[in-house]
Amino acid sequence: MKNKIILSVVLATRNEEANIGHCLDSVKDLADEVIVVDEKSTDKTAEIAKEYGAEVFEVEHESIFHKTKQKSLEKAKGEWVLQMDADERVSKELAEEIKKVIGMNEHEIEEYQEKLKNKKLFERHQRLLEERDGIIGKKEGEYVAFFVPRLNFFLGKYLRYGGVYPDGVIRLVKNGYAHFPAKSVHEQIAVGGRVGWLQNDLIHIADPTFKRYLQRNSRYIDFIAKELKEEKVGKNPFQFINYVLIKPFSWFFLTLLRHKGLLDGFQGIIFSFFSSLRFSRAYWRYLVKL
């Protein structure tokens, strides 16, 4: 009889040879199975994943990457599923916490949630997410999913201020209780049960170089520009001033001062500045291209 699969780690990938090995190395002592659904990478992503013992499935590229993420979820056979991106790493502390939590009963999980060191911070962050995305999961019943606080690496430093942390992402889910609607690249995963939090950080090697940041930022700006078109935002002087001047300046000073982005030093200033520019850049693309 085969050993029971408790935890599956799943990834959707495309040309991630620089990251996939580090990611899988961080879960080698945690996962009972590793599933990689790869969008026909032209580099060594699939080859490296197989070297780490992953089961690799090749699929066509999707314009909405969450469709591929959903395919990876559907391949998992474990009771619990840890969904990751290739540029993420599970710390030893987080790995131990995951093992502990998935072995708890409901009463133990409830007690654990009450004792979280950053409970108030996590609850505030979740409220902000729900104001943007709508209610996440259910407020009562069985815990079937967990947010993980994500620590983002930006130009040589992990950002902890400026509104960047905890950057909660739902990554640990009970198999069959979560899915990606796959309507947008930035959507929240849908959960059919109660959602809790883990305490330890998921390491995200988001932007080790400025070039990578600009590439990711440009894709995000395209997404915002499309949203402006869908929402039929006016192409008039008032909206021009709003998106080119008011929103960027207010966001820059909000993140830099109120949310203490200055405490992240040079990187915090750069992140706040370019984050604020997304409003004007997206509106300009909306005016010119859409």
Protein backbone atom coordinates (compact mmCIF):
# COMPACT_ATOMS: atom_id res chain seq x y z
CA MET A 1 0.00 0.00 0.00
CA LYS A 2 1.30 3.42 -0.95
CA ASN A 3 1.90 5.98 1.76
CA LYS A 4 -0.92 8.42 2.26
CA ILE A 5 -0.31 11.82 0.67
CA ILE A 6 -0.88 14.53 3.26
CA LEU A 7 0.65 17.59 1.58
CA SER A 8 1.00 18.33 -2.12
CA VAL A 9 3.10 21.27 -3.30
CA VAL A 10 1.94 22.58 -6.67
CA LEU A 11 3.37 25.15 -9.06
CA ALA A 12 2.45 26.62 -12.42
CA THR A 13 5.57 27.66 -14.33
CA ARG A 14 6.87 29.24 -17.49
CA ASN A 15 10.61 29.78 -18.09
CA GLU A 16 11.61 29.73 -14.43
CA GLU A 17 14.95 27.92 -14.58
CA ALA A 18 16.59 30.61 -12.43
CA ASN A 19 14.05 30.10 -9.64
CA ILE A 20 12.52 26.64 -9.73
CA GLY A 21 15.46 24.82 -8.11
CA HIS A 22 15.62 27.17 -5.12
CA CYS A 23 11.86 26.93 -4.68
CA LEU A 24 11.72 23.14 -4.74
CA ASP A 25 14.78 22.86 -2.51
CA SER A 26 12.88 24.81 0.16
CA VAL A 27 10.04 22.22 0.25
CA LYS A 28 12.01 19.00 -0.24
CA ASP A 29 11.52 17.94 3.40
CA LEU A 30 7.91 19.19 3.54
CA ALA A 31 6.05 17.88 0.50
CA ASP A 32 4.71 14.35 0.05
CA GLU A 33 4.38 15.08 -3.66
CA VAL A 34 5.37 17.96 -5.95
CA ILE A 35 3.32 18.85 -9.01
CA VAL A 36 4.62 21.25 -11.67
CA VAL A 37 2.33 22.29 -14.51
CA ASP A 38 4.61 23.93 -17.05
CA GLU A 39 3.56 26.11 -19.98
CA LYS A 40 6.01 24.60 -22.47
CA SER A 41 9.03 26.43 -21.11
CA THR A 42 11.82 26.98 -23.59
CA ASP A 43 14.47 26.84 -20.87
CA LYS A 44 15.36 24.08 -18.37
CA THR A 45 12.43 24.62 -15.99
CA ALA A 46 10.86 21.19 -16.57
CA GLU A 47 14.21 19.40 -16.54
CA ILE A 48 15.24 20.95 -13.20
CA ALA A 49 11.82 20.20 -11.69
CA LYS A 50 12.15 16.52 -12.63
CA GLU A 51 15.62 16.42 -11.02
CA TYR A 52 13.93 17.42 -7.76
CA GLY A 53 11.44 14.57 -8.11
CA ALA A 54 8.51 16.66 -9.28
CA GLU A 55 5.80 15.24 -11.49
CA VAL A 56 5.76 17.57 -14.49
CA PHE A 57 2.81 18.16 -16.82
CA GLU A 58 3.23 20.18 -20.02
CA VAL A 59 0.36 22.47 -21.10
CA GLU A 60 -0.21 25.30 -23.54
CA HIS A 61 0.45 28.88 -22.48
CA GLU A 62 -2.58 30.75 -21.10
CA SER A 63 -2.99 34.53 -21.30
CA ILE A 64 -4.51 34.36 -17.80
CA PHE A 65 -1.89 32.45 -15.81
CA HIS A 66 -4.41 31.51 -13.10
CA LYS A 67 -5.90 29.00 -15.55
CA THR A 68 -2.63 27.10 -15.35
CA LYS A 69 -2.56 27.50 -11.56
CA GLN A 70 -6.00 25.93 -11.43
CA LYS A 71 -4.73 22.97 -13.47
CA SER A 72 -1.95 22.47 -10.93
CA LEU A 73 -4.48 22.46 -8.07
CA GLU A 74 -6.56 19.83 -9.86
CA LYS A 75 -3.52 17.52 -10.19
CA ALA A 76 -2.86 17.42 -6.43
CA LYS A 77 -3.68 14.21 -4.56
CA GLY A 78 -2.82 15.36 -1.04
CA GLU A 79 -5.28 16.20 1.72
CA TRP A 80 -3.72 19.65 1.82
CA VAL A 81 -2.19 21.67 -1.01
CA LEU A 82 0.51 24.32 -0.81
CA GLN A 83 0.30 26.44 -3.96
CA MET A 84 3.51 28.35 -4.74
CA ASP A 85 5.12 30.55 -7.34
CA ALA A 86 8.60 29.66 -8.55
CA ASP A 87 10.13 32.83 -7.09
CA GLU A 88 8.91 31.95 -3.58
CA ARG A 89 10.75 30.07 -0.84
CA VAL A 90 9.41 28.32 2.25
CA SER A 91 11.50 29.19 5.29
CA LYS A 92 12.35 26.45 7.81
CA GLU A 93 10.07 28.18 10.33
CA LEU A 94 7.15 28.25 7.90
CA ALA A 95 7.72 24.59 6.95
CA GLU A 96 7.52 23.55 10.60
CA GLU A 97 4.40 25.67 11.11
CA ILE A 98 2.66 24.10 8.11
CA LYS A 99 3.40 20.60 9.41
CA LYS A 100 2.02 21.60 12.78
CA VAL A 101 -1.16 23.28 11.54
CA ILE A 102 -2.28 20.58 9.11
CA GLY A 103 -2.03 18.10 11.96
CA MET A 104 -4.33 20.10 14.24
CA ASN A 105 -8.01 19.53 14.90
CA GLU A 106 -10.50 22.39 14.63
CA HIS A 107 -10.33 23.33 18.29
CA GLU A 108 -6.53 23.47 18.19
CA ILE A 109 -6.60 25.62 15.04
CA GLU A 110 -9.06 28.00 16.69
CA GLU A 111 -6.76 28.40 19.69
CA TYR A 112 -3.76 28.84 17.41
CA GLN A 113 -5.47 31.66 15.52
CA GLU A 114 -6.19 33.52 18.75
CA LYS A 115 -2.54 33.37 19.79
CA LEU A 116 -0.98 34.65 16.53
CA LYS A 117 1.68 37.23 17.33
CA ASN A 118 0.61 39.52 14.46
CA LYS A 119 -3.12 38.81 14.73
CA LYS A 120 -4.25 42.46 14.63
CA LEU A 121 -1.97 43.25 11.67
CA PHE A 122 -3.26 40.23 9.75
CA GLU A 123 -6.90 41.06 10.48
CA ARG A 124 -6.42 44.64 9.30
CA HIS A 125 -4.75 43.44 6.11
CA GLN A 126 -7.56 40.97 5.42
CA ARG A 127 -10.17 43.70 5.89
CA LEU A 128 -8.41 45.80 3.25
CA LEU A 129 -8.33 42.85 0.86
CA GLU A 130 -12.03 42.20 1.40
CA GLU A 131 -12.85 45.86 0.74
CA ARG A 132 -11.18 45.40 -2.63
CA ASP A 133 -12.11 41.82 -3.53
CA GLY A 134 -15.23 41.06 -1.49
CA ILE A 135 -15.65 38.63 1.41
CA ILE A 136 -13.01 35.90 1.39
CA GLY A 137 -14.21 32.45 2.42
CA LYS A 138 -16.68 31.95 5.26
CA LYS A 139 -16.64 33.51 8.71
CA GLU A 140 -17.61 30.29 10.52
CA GLY A 141 -17.18 26.56 10.15
CA GLU A 142 -14.16 24.45 9.27
CA TYR A 143 -10.80 26.02 8.50
CA VAL A 144 -9.94 25.00 4.94
CA ALA A 145 -7.40 27.62 3.87
CA PHE A 146 -4.69 29.85 5.30
CA PHE A 147 -3.18 33.16 4.36
CA VAL A 148 0.60 33.28 4.54
CA PRO A 149 2.38 36.61 5.17
CA ARG A 150 4.80 37.24 2.32
CA LEU A 151 8.14 39.01 2.74
CA ASN A 152 9.09 40.71 -0.53
CA PHE A 153 12.69 41.10 -1.68
CA PHE A 154 13.30 44.36 -3.55
CA LEU A 155 16.72 45.48 -4.85
CA GLY A 156 18.71 43.75 -2.14
CA LYS A 157 16.37 44.26 0.82
CA TYR A 158 13.23 42.72 2.31
CA LEU A 159 10.53 45.40 2.54
CA ARG A 160 8.63 45.61 5.83
CA TYR A 161 7.02 49.05 5.60
CA GLY A 162 5.26 51.27 3.09
CA GLY A 163 2.14 49.10 3.19
CA VAL A 164 4.02 46.22 1.55
CA TYR A 165 3.97 43.82 4.52
CA PRO A 166 2.30 41.42 5.31
CA ASP A 167 1.19 41.03 1.66
CA GLY A 168 -1.02 38.10 2.67
CA VAL A 169 -1.60 35.41 0.06
CA ILE A 170 -3.76 32.29 0.40
CA ARG A 171 -1.33 29.48 -0.26
CA LEU A 172 -2.27 26.56 2.00
CA VAL A 173 -5.67 25.04 1.18
CA LYS A 174 -7.55 21.85 1.90
CA ASN A 175 -7.88 19.84 -1.29
CA GLY A 176 -11.21 20.45 -3.03
CA TYR A 177 -12.12 23.58 -1.08
CA ALA A 178 -10.46 26.23 -3.23
CA HIS A 179 -10.22 27.21 -6.88
CA PHE A 180 -9.07 30.03 -9.13
CA PRO A 181 -12.00 31.65 -10.98
CA ALA A 182 -9.40 32.41 -13.68
CA LYS A 183 -11.00 35.64 -14.84
CA SER A 184 -8.10 37.92 -13.96
CA VAL A 185 -4.39 37.54 -13.27
CA HIS A 186 -4.73 39.45 -9.98
CA GLU A 187 -7.86 37.81 -8.63
CA GLN A 188 -8.18 36.26 -5.18
CA ILE A 189 -8.45 32.48 -4.96
CA ALA A 190 -12.01 31.43 -4.08
CA VAL A 191 -12.40 29.42 -0.86
CA GLY A 192 -15.38 27.31 0.20
CA GLY A 193 -14.77 27.46 3.92
CA ARG A 194 -13.13 29.41 6.72
CA VAL A 195 -9.78 31.13 6.18
CA GLY A 196 -7.10 31.54 8.84
CA TRP A 197 -3.52 32.81 8.95
CA LEU A 198 -0.07 31.35 9.42
CA GLN A 199 2.47 33.40 11.35
CA ASN A 200 5.77 32.74 9.58
CA ASP A 201 6.81 34.43 6.35
CA LEU A 202 6.86 33.07 2.83
CA ILE A 203 9.97 34.50 1.18
CA HIS A 204 9.25 36.15 -2.17
CA ILE A 205 12.27 36.95 -4.35
CA ALA A 206 10.10 39.39 -6.26
CA ASP A 207 12.50 41.96 -7.66
CA PRO A 208 16.20 41.20 -7.15
CA THR A 209 17.02 43.59 -10.03
CA PHE A 210 15.47 46.82 -11.21
CA LYS A 211 15.03 45.33 -14.69
CA ARG A 212 12.86 42.53 -13.32
CA TYR A 213 10.82 45.02 -11.31
CA LEU A 214 10.14 47.16 -14.39
CA GLN A 215 9.08 44.10 -16.39
CA ARG A 216 6.63 42.96 -13.70
CA ASN A 217 5.44 46.50 -13.09
CA SER A 218 4.75 47.04 -16.79
CA ARG A 219 2.52 43.94 -16.92
CA TYR A 220 0.64 45.20 -13.88
CA ILE A 221 0.14 48.61 -15.50
CA ASP A 222 -1.32 46.92 -18.60
CA PHE A 223 -3.78 45.15 -16.30
CA ILE A 224 -4.81 48.44 -14.64
CA ALA A 225 -5.22 50.11 -18.05
CA LYS A 226 -7.59 47.33 -19.12
CA GLU A 227 -9.56 47.79 -15.91
CA LEU A 228 -9.90 51.51 -16.67
CA LYS A 229 -11.34 50.59 -20.07
CA GLU A 230 -13.75 48.05 -18.59
CA GLU A 231 -14.90 50.57 -15.98
CA LYS A 232 -15.25 53.23 -18.72
CA VAL A 233 -13.26 55.82 -16.81
CA GLY A 234 -13.67 59.20 -18.45
CA LYS A 235 -11.10 60.57 -20.87
CA ASN A 236 -11.44 64.17 -19.74
CA PRO A 237 -9.37 66.89 -18.01
CA PHE A 238 -10.67 66.03 -14.53
CA GLN A 239 -9.69 62.36 -14.75
CA PHE A 240 -6.40 63.32 -16.37
CA ILE A 241 -5.51 65.50 -13.38
CA ASN A 242 -6.80 62.82 -11.00
CA TYR A 243 -4.66 60.02 -12.45
CA VAL A 244 -1.60 62.02 -13.46
CA LEU A 245 -1.27 64.27 -10.39
CA ILE A 246 -3.65 63.63 -7.48
CA LYS A 247 -3.48 59.84 -7.18
CA PRO A 248 0.32 59.54 -7.68
CA PHE A 249 1.19 62.30 -5.18
CA SER A 250 -1.27 61.09 -2.54
CA TRP A 251 -0.09 57.48 -2.86
CA PHE A 252 3.59 58.45 -2.69
CA PHE A 253 3.23 60.41 0.54
CA LEU A 254 0.78 57.90 2.04
CA THR A 255 3.16 54.98 1.64
CA LEU A 256 6.32 56.93 2.40
CA LEU A 257 5.12 58.77 5.52
CA ARG A 258 1.94 57.31 6.99
CA HIS A 259 2.96 53.71 6.24
CA LYS A 260 6.61 54.47 7.11
CA GLY A 261 8.17 53.46 3.80
CA LEU A 262 11.11 55.67 4.74
CA LEU A 263 12.14 53.05 7.29
CA ASP A 264 13.00 50.71 4.40
CA GLY A 265 15.62 53.23 3.33
CA PHE A 266 16.56 53.85 -0.29
CA GLN A 267 14.61 50.81 -1.46
CA GLY A 268 11.49 52.02 0.32
CA ILE A 269 11.67 55.41 -1.37
CA ILE A 270 12.19 53.87 -4.82
CA PHE A 271 9.35 51.39 -4.29
CA SER A 272 6.92 54.11 -3.17
CA PHE A 273 7.88 56.37 -6.07
CA PHE A 274 7.45 53.82 -8.84
CA SER A 275 4.38 52.35 -7.18
CA SER A 276 2.77 55.81 -7.27
CA LEU A 277 3.59 56.20 -10.96
CA ARG A 278 1.36 53.27 -11.88
CA PHE A 279 -1.69 55.54 -11.86
CA SER A 280 -0.37 58.01 -14.41
CA ARG A 281 1.28 55.33 -16.58
CA ALA A 282 -1.87 53.19 -16.65
CA TYR A 283 -4.08 56.17 -17.51
CA TRP A 284 -1.73 57.23 -20.29
CA ARG A 285 -1.79 53.73 -21.82
CA TYR A 286 -5.56 53.77 -21.52
CA LEU A 287 -5.71 57.10 -23.40
CA VAL A 288 -3.27 56.17 -26.14
CA LYS A 289 -3.68 52.42 -26.71
CA LEU A 290 -7.15 51.35 -25.54
